[in-house]
Amino acid sequence: MKKGEESRQLLIECAAELLWKNGYSATGISEILKQTNLPVRKNMIEMYLEYRSYHGI
């Protein structure tokens, strides 16, 4: 698995855990990034998760 794929998978796993524990409205991107400890800025998360295409934006 490539580094980018590993980072994406970690983001997804952390997001799923936080969403399950806190709920959708109580989980923000900042909390997800903090839990992953990845050097990713908020504006870069779309690249990892393909947020726009998933949500039809």
Protein backbone atom coordinates (compact mmCIF):
# COMPACT_ATOMS: atom_id res chain seq x y z
CA MET A 1 0.00 0.00 0.00
CA LYS A 2 1.32 3.44 -0.93
CA LYS A 3 1.83 6.19 1.64
CA GLY A 4 -1.13 8.19 0.30
CA GLU A 5 -3.37 5.14 0.46
CA GLU A 6 -2.27 4.47 4.03
CA SER A 7 -3.04 8.06 5.01
CA ARG A 8 -6.44 7.88 3.34
CA GLN A 9 -7.25 4.64 5.13
CA LEU A 10 -6.18 6.09 8.49
CA LEU A 11 -8.36 9.16 7.92
CA ILE A 12 -11.35 6.96 7.07
CA GLU A 13 -10.85 4.73 10.10
CA CYS A 14 -10.47 7.68 12.49
CA ALA A 15 -13.46 9.45 10.98
CA ALA A 16 -15.60 6.34 11.29
CA GLU A 17 -14.60 5.88 14.92
CA LEU A 18 -15.33 9.51 15.82
CA LEU A 19 -18.60 9.55 13.91
CA TRP A 20 -19.72 6.40 15.68
CA LYS A 21 -18.72 7.73 19.09
CA ASN A 22 -19.75 11.41 18.78
CA GLY A 23 -22.28 11.50 15.94
CA TYR A 24 -22.22 13.38 12.66
CA SER A 25 -23.07 16.85 13.97
CA ALA A 26 -20.51 16.65 16.79
CA THR A 27 -17.58 15.50 14.65
CA GLY A 28 -15.49 18.00 12.73
CA ILE A 29 -12.60 17.73 10.36
CA SER A 30 -10.30 19.28 12.96
CA GLU A 31 -11.05 16.46 15.42
CA ILE A 32 -10.45 13.83 12.76
CA LEU A 33 -7.10 15.34 11.76
CA LYS A 34 -6.05 15.71 15.38
CA GLN A 35 -6.70 12.03 16.05
CA THR A 36 -4.75 10.85 12.99
CA ASN A 37 -1.64 12.92 13.82
CA LEU A 38 -1.04 13.27 10.08
CA PRO A 39 0.59 16.44 8.75
CA VAL A 40 -2.55 17.24 6.74
CA ARG A 41 -4.21 20.64 6.60
CA LYS A 42 -7.98 20.95 6.55
CA ASN A 43 -8.00 22.07 2.93
CA MET A 44 -6.02 18.97 1.90
CA ILE A 45 -8.47 16.47 3.36
CA GLU A 46 -10.63 16.63 0.25
CA MET A 47 -7.75 15.18 -1.72
CA TYR A 48 -7.54 12.19 0.59
CA LEU A 49 -11.23 11.51 0.97
CA GLU A 50 -12.54 12.75 -2.38
CA TYR A 51 -15.16 14.65 -0.39
CA ARG A 52 -16.52 16.73 -3.25
CA SER A 53 -17.26 13.84 -5.59
CA TYR A 54 -18.77 11.78 -2.80
CA HIS A 55 -21.14 14.54 -1.72
CA GLY A 56 -21.93 15.74 -5.22
CA ILE A 57 -20.37 19.15 -4.69
